[in-house]
Amino acid sequence: MQEHRATQRRRMLKAGKISFGGGAIDCTVRNFSDAGAALDVVSPVGIPEHFTLVVEADHSRLLCRIVWRKEKRIGVRFEQ
């Protein structure tokens, strides 16, 4: 399989929250790079195109835009 990403992603397993409009949805960060991440979710239904990813273990808050959706996983690109 050929890699099409601009930056290599690192595998991980960290708890996160998808935060938007005063609400939040739990997620699991499955892989991560400087440019984006893959997140496992119970269901991608209702998750907006833009949100903030909060990873408490890293004390990070990252603005995200969804670039793809699958059954229980979404791919995001980090925005400035």
N, C-alpha and C. Protein backbone atom coordinates (compact mmCIF):
# COMPACT_ATOMS: atom_id res chain seq x y z
N MET A 1 0.84 -1.18 0.00
CA MET A 1 0.00 0.00 0.00
C MET A 1 0.89 1.25 0.00
N GLN A 2 0.59 2.19 -0.85
CA GLN A 2 1.36 3.41 -0.97
C GLN A 2 0.84 4.46 0.01
N GLU A 3 1.76 5.14 0.69
CA GLU A 3 1.41 6.19 1.65
C GLU A 3 1.20 7.52 0.92
N HIS A 4 0.06 8.18 1.17
CA HIS A 4 -0.25 9.44 0.51
C HIS A 4 -0.20 10.63 1.46
N ARG A 5 0.08 10.41 2.73
CA ARG A 5 0.10 11.50 3.69
C ARG A 5 1.39 12.32 3.55
N ALA A 6 1.27 13.62 3.82
CA ALA A 6 2.44 14.50 3.75
C ALA A 6 3.37 14.28 4.93
N THR A 7 2.81 13.89 6.09
CA THR A 7 3.62 13.62 7.27
C THR A 7 3.23 12.26 7.83
N GLN A 8 4.21 11.54 8.36
CA GLN A 8 3.97 10.20 8.89
C GLN A 8 3.21 10.29 10.21
N ARG A 9 2.23 9.42 10.38
CA ARG A 9 1.46 9.38 11.62
C ARG A 9 2.05 8.35 12.57
N ARG A 10 1.95 8.66 13.86
CA ARG A 10 2.40 7.75 14.92
C ARG A 10 1.17 7.08 15.54
N ARG A 11 1.25 5.77 15.72
CA ARG A 11 0.15 5.06 16.36
C ARG A 11 0.10 5.41 17.83
N MET A 12 -1.11 5.51 18.35
CA MET A 12 -1.29 5.76 19.77
C MET A 12 -2.68 5.33 20.19
N LEU A 13 -2.92 5.39 21.47
CA LEU A 13 -4.21 5.03 22.03
C LEU A 13 -4.46 5.95 23.22
N LYS A 14 -5.02 7.13 22.95
CA LYS A 14 -5.27 8.12 24.00
C LYS A 14 -6.73 8.54 23.98
N ALA A 15 -7.26 8.79 25.18
CA ALA A 15 -8.63 9.28 25.30
C ALA A 15 -8.69 10.74 24.90
N GLY A 16 -9.75 11.11 24.20
CA GLY A 16 -9.94 12.49 23.80
C GLY A 16 -11.41 12.86 23.84
N LYS A 17 -11.67 14.12 23.59
CA LYS A 17 -13.04 14.61 23.51
C LYS A 17 -13.17 15.50 22.27
N ILE A 18 -14.26 15.31 21.55
CA ILE A 18 -14.60 16.17 20.42
C ILE A 18 -15.53 17.23 20.98
N SER A 19 -15.05 18.46 21.04
CA SER A 19 -15.78 19.54 21.69
C SER A 19 -16.33 20.50 20.64
N PHE A 20 -17.63 20.82 20.76
CA PHE A 20 -18.28 21.74 19.82
C PHE A 20 -19.56 22.27 20.43
N GLY A 21 -19.85 23.54 20.23
CA GLY A 21 -21.12 24.14 20.61
C GLY A 21 -21.54 23.88 22.05
N GLY A 22 -20.63 23.82 22.98
CA GLY A 22 -20.97 23.60 24.38
C GLY A 22 -21.12 22.14 24.76
N GLY A 23 -21.02 21.22 23.81
CA GLY A 23 -21.12 19.79 24.09
C GLY A 23 -19.82 19.09 23.79
N ALA A 24 -19.76 17.81 24.13
CA ALA A 24 -18.55 17.03 23.86
C ALA A 24 -18.92 15.57 23.64
N ILE A 25 -18.13 14.91 22.79
CA ILE A 25 -18.30 13.48 22.51
C ILE A 25 -16.96 12.81 22.77
N ASP A 26 -16.98 11.71 23.51
CA ASP A 26 -15.74 10.97 23.78
C ASP A 26 -15.22 10.33 22.51
N CYS A 27 -13.89 10.23 22.41
CA CYS A 27 -13.26 9.57 21.28
C CYS A 27 -11.94 8.95 21.74
N THR A 28 -11.35 8.16 20.87
CA THR A 28 -10.03 7.60 21.10
C THR A 28 -9.14 8.02 19.94
N VAL A 29 -7.99 8.63 20.27
CA VAL A 29 -7.03 9.04 19.25
C VAL A 29 -6.22 7.80 18.89
N ARG A 30 -6.33 7.35 17.63
CA ARG A 30 -5.68 6.12 17.19
C ARG A 30 -4.33 6.35 16.54
N ASN A 31 -4.21 7.42 15.78
CA ASN A 31 -2.90 7.81 15.25
C ASN A 31 -2.86 9.31 15.12
N PHE A 32 -1.65 9.86 15.05
CA PHE A 32 -1.47 11.29 15.20
C PHE A 32 -0.23 11.75 14.44
N SER A 33 -0.32 12.91 13.80
CA SER A 33 0.84 13.52 13.15
C SER A 33 0.76 15.02 13.38
N ASP A 34 1.72 15.75 12.86
CA ASP A 34 1.68 17.21 12.96
C ASP A 34 0.52 17.79 12.17
N ALA A 35 0.04 17.05 11.17
CA ALA A 35 -1.00 17.56 10.28
C ALA A 35 -2.41 17.09 10.63
N GLY A 36 -2.56 15.92 11.28
CA GLY A 36 -3.89 15.40 11.54
C GLY A 36 -3.89 14.15 12.38
N ALA A 37 -5.06 13.52 12.46
CA ALA A 37 -5.21 12.33 13.31
C ALA A 37 -6.39 11.49 12.83
N ALA A 38 -6.43 10.25 13.32
CA ALA A 38 -7.59 9.38 13.13
C ALA A 38 -8.21 9.16 14.51
N LEU A 39 -9.52 9.32 14.59
CA LEU A 39 -10.24 9.23 15.85
C LEU A 39 -11.30 8.14 15.77
N ASP A 40 -11.34 7.27 16.78
CA ASP A 40 -12.42 6.30 16.89
C ASP A 40 -13.55 6.93 17.67
N VAL A 41 -14.78 6.75 17.18
CA VAL A 41 -15.98 7.29 17.81
C VAL A 41 -17.05 6.20 17.82
N VAL A 42 -18.03 6.33 18.71
CA VAL A 42 -19.14 5.37 18.73
C VAL A 42 -19.92 5.48 17.43
N SER A 43 -20.16 6.73 17.00
CA SER A 43 -20.84 7.01 15.73
C SER A 43 -20.42 8.39 15.24
N PRO A 44 -20.11 8.54 13.97
CA PRO A 44 -19.76 9.87 13.45
C PRO A 44 -20.97 10.77 13.21
N VAL A 45 -22.17 10.24 13.38
CA VAL A 45 -23.39 11.00 13.15
C VAL A 45 -23.48 12.14 14.17
N GLY A 46 -23.72 13.33 13.68
CA GLY A 46 -23.89 14.49 14.56
C GLY A 46 -22.61 15.24 14.87
N ILE A 47 -21.47 14.72 14.43
CA ILE A 47 -20.20 15.42 14.65
C ILE A 47 -20.05 16.44 13.53
N PRO A 48 -19.88 17.73 13.88
CA PRO A 48 -19.78 18.75 12.84
C PRO A 48 -18.46 18.69 12.08
N GLU A 49 -18.40 19.36 10.95
CA GLU A 49 -17.19 19.37 10.12
C GLU A 49 -16.00 20.01 10.83
N HIS A 50 -16.24 21.00 11.69
CA HIS A 50 -15.18 21.69 12.44
C HIS A 50 -15.44 21.52 13.93
N PHE A 51 -14.42 21.22 14.71
CA PHE A 51 -14.54 21.07 16.15
C PHE A 51 -13.17 21.19 16.80
N THR A 52 -13.14 21.16 18.13
CA THR A 52 -11.89 21.18 18.88
C THR A 52 -11.65 19.81 19.48
N LEU A 53 -10.48 19.24 19.23
CA LEU A 53 -10.08 17.97 19.83
C LEU A 53 -9.34 18.28 21.12
N VAL A 54 -9.83 17.75 22.23
CA VAL A 54 -9.21 17.96 23.53
C VAL A 54 -8.58 16.64 23.97
N VAL A 55 -7.26 16.65 24.22
CA VAL A 55 -6.55 15.47 24.72
C VAL A 55 -5.96 15.87 26.07
N GLU A 56 -6.64 15.46 27.14
CA GLU A 56 -6.23 15.86 28.49
C GLU A 56 -4.83 15.37 28.85
N ALA A 57 -4.46 14.18 28.42
CA ALA A 57 -3.15 13.61 28.76
C ALA A 57 -2.01 14.49 28.26
N ASP A 58 -2.23 15.19 27.14
CA ASP A 58 -1.21 16.07 26.55
C ASP A 58 -1.47 17.54 26.86
N HIS A 59 -2.59 17.83 27.55
CA HIS A 59 -3.01 19.21 27.81
C HIS A 59 -3.13 19.98 26.49
N SER A 60 -3.69 19.32 25.47
CA SER A 60 -3.77 19.96 24.15
C SER A 60 -5.22 20.19 23.73
N ARG A 61 -5.40 21.27 22.98
CA ARG A 61 -6.68 21.63 22.35
C ARG A 61 -6.36 21.98 20.91
N LEU A 62 -6.86 21.18 19.97
CA LEU A 62 -6.51 21.33 18.56
C LEU A 62 -7.76 21.58 17.72
N LEU A 63 -7.74 22.65 16.93
CA LEU A 63 -8.85 22.91 16.01
C LEU A 63 -8.75 21.92 14.85
N CYS A 64 -9.87 21.27 14.52
CA CYS A 64 -9.87 20.20 13.52
C CYS A 64 -10.95 20.43 12.47
N ARG A 65 -10.68 19.85 11.30
CA ARG A 65 -11.65 19.77 10.21
C ARG A 65 -11.69 18.33 9.73
N ILE A 66 -12.86 17.75 9.61
CA ILE A 66 -12.99 16.36 9.17
C ILE A 66 -12.67 16.26 7.68
N VAL A 67 -11.81 15.29 7.32
CA VAL A 67 -11.47 15.08 5.91
C VAL A 67 -12.03 13.76 5.39
N TRP A 68 -12.35 12.81 6.29
CA TRP A 68 -13.03 11.59 5.88
C TRP A 68 -13.76 10.99 7.07
N ARG A 69 -14.79 10.17 6.77
CA ARG A 69 -15.60 9.48 7.77
C ARG A 69 -15.77 8.04 7.35
N LYS A 70 -15.66 7.13 8.30
CA LYS A 70 -15.99 5.72 8.08
C LYS A 70 -16.98 5.33 9.17
N GLU A 71 -17.27 4.05 9.29
CA GLU A 71 -18.30 3.61 10.24
C GLU A 71 -18.08 4.13 11.65
N LYS A 72 -16.91 3.88 12.23
CA LYS A 72 -16.65 4.30 13.60
C LYS A 72 -15.32 5.03 13.74
N ARG A 73 -14.86 5.62 12.64
CA ARG A 73 -13.58 6.34 12.65
C ARG A 73 -13.69 7.57 11.76
N ILE A 74 -13.08 8.66 12.20
CA ILE A 74 -13.01 9.86 11.37
C ILE A 74 -11.55 10.30 11.26
N GLY A 75 -11.24 10.88 10.12
CA GLY A 75 -9.91 11.44 9.89
C GLY A 75 -10.02 12.96 9.92
N VAL A 76 -9.10 13.60 10.65
CA VAL A 76 -9.15 15.05 10.77
C VAL A 76 -7.83 15.68 10.36
N ARG A 77 -7.92 16.91 9.90
CA ARG A 77 -6.75 17.74 9.61
C ARG A 77 -6.76 18.86 10.63
N PHE A 78 -5.59 19.17 11.18
CA PHE A 78 -5.49 20.25 12.15
C PHE A 78 -5.43 21.58 11.42
N GLU A 79 -6.14 22.57 11.99
CA GLU A 79 -6.18 23.90 11.41
C GLU A 79 -5.53 24.89 12.36
N GLN A 80 -5.03 25.97 11.80
CA GLN A 80 -4.36 27.01 12.62
C GLN A 80 -5.38 27.96 13.19
